[in-house]
Amino acid sequence: MKSKPFFIVSAVAVSIIFTIISCKDKTRSGNVSNSPELEAHLITQEQAKILATEYENNNYKIINAQRKTPDSKEIYYDIDVLEQYIQYVKAEAKSKGIANVGITIAFGQYPNNGDFDKRLNPNYLGYQTVFLKPTIKQIIKSPNDSLKHLCDPDGIKTFDFGQLSPPN
């Protein structure tokens, strides 16, 4: 009879340990809960496909109507380099006493000539791109309303040179 309670206690203990290990493995694999701020910005893969299709059928079609070759449609940045850039912006803003700093993703186009920057892949000349720039959100109080104004801080560099697709 003593072996039956021991077996039950052992089975429960093993189940608890297995559950704890399983939870830790899920956390390590990226299944962590997101903050409400992040959740407010996340979309599904299906929603992303809708956005891409709308862009392709409208703006991208118009852009390419005047080009000999299709313009870039996507820009890839390595996630580690993006994280480094975010840390750089945070550190620079902190050292300058800047609060409410964010990042604006801006559209641009590389010039058709090679005078822009020696780091630019020459195959990207004339293609559209996006670049990330630090931005300060200032709230200006007026008698009638609060106005949000975005401005670029001096001395914090902008981020560019992703991998364009096409042409790559």
Foldseek 3Di string as FASTA:
>chain_A
DVVVVVVVVVVVVVVVVVVVVVVVVCVVVPPDDDDPVVVVPDDDPVVVVVVLVVCCVPVQVVVCVPDPDRAFSDFDDDPVVVVVLVVLLVVVCVVVVAPQKDKDKAKDAAAQDDPPDPVADNVRHGHIDIKIAIWHWDWDDDPVDTDTDIDGDPPRDIGDDTDTPVVD
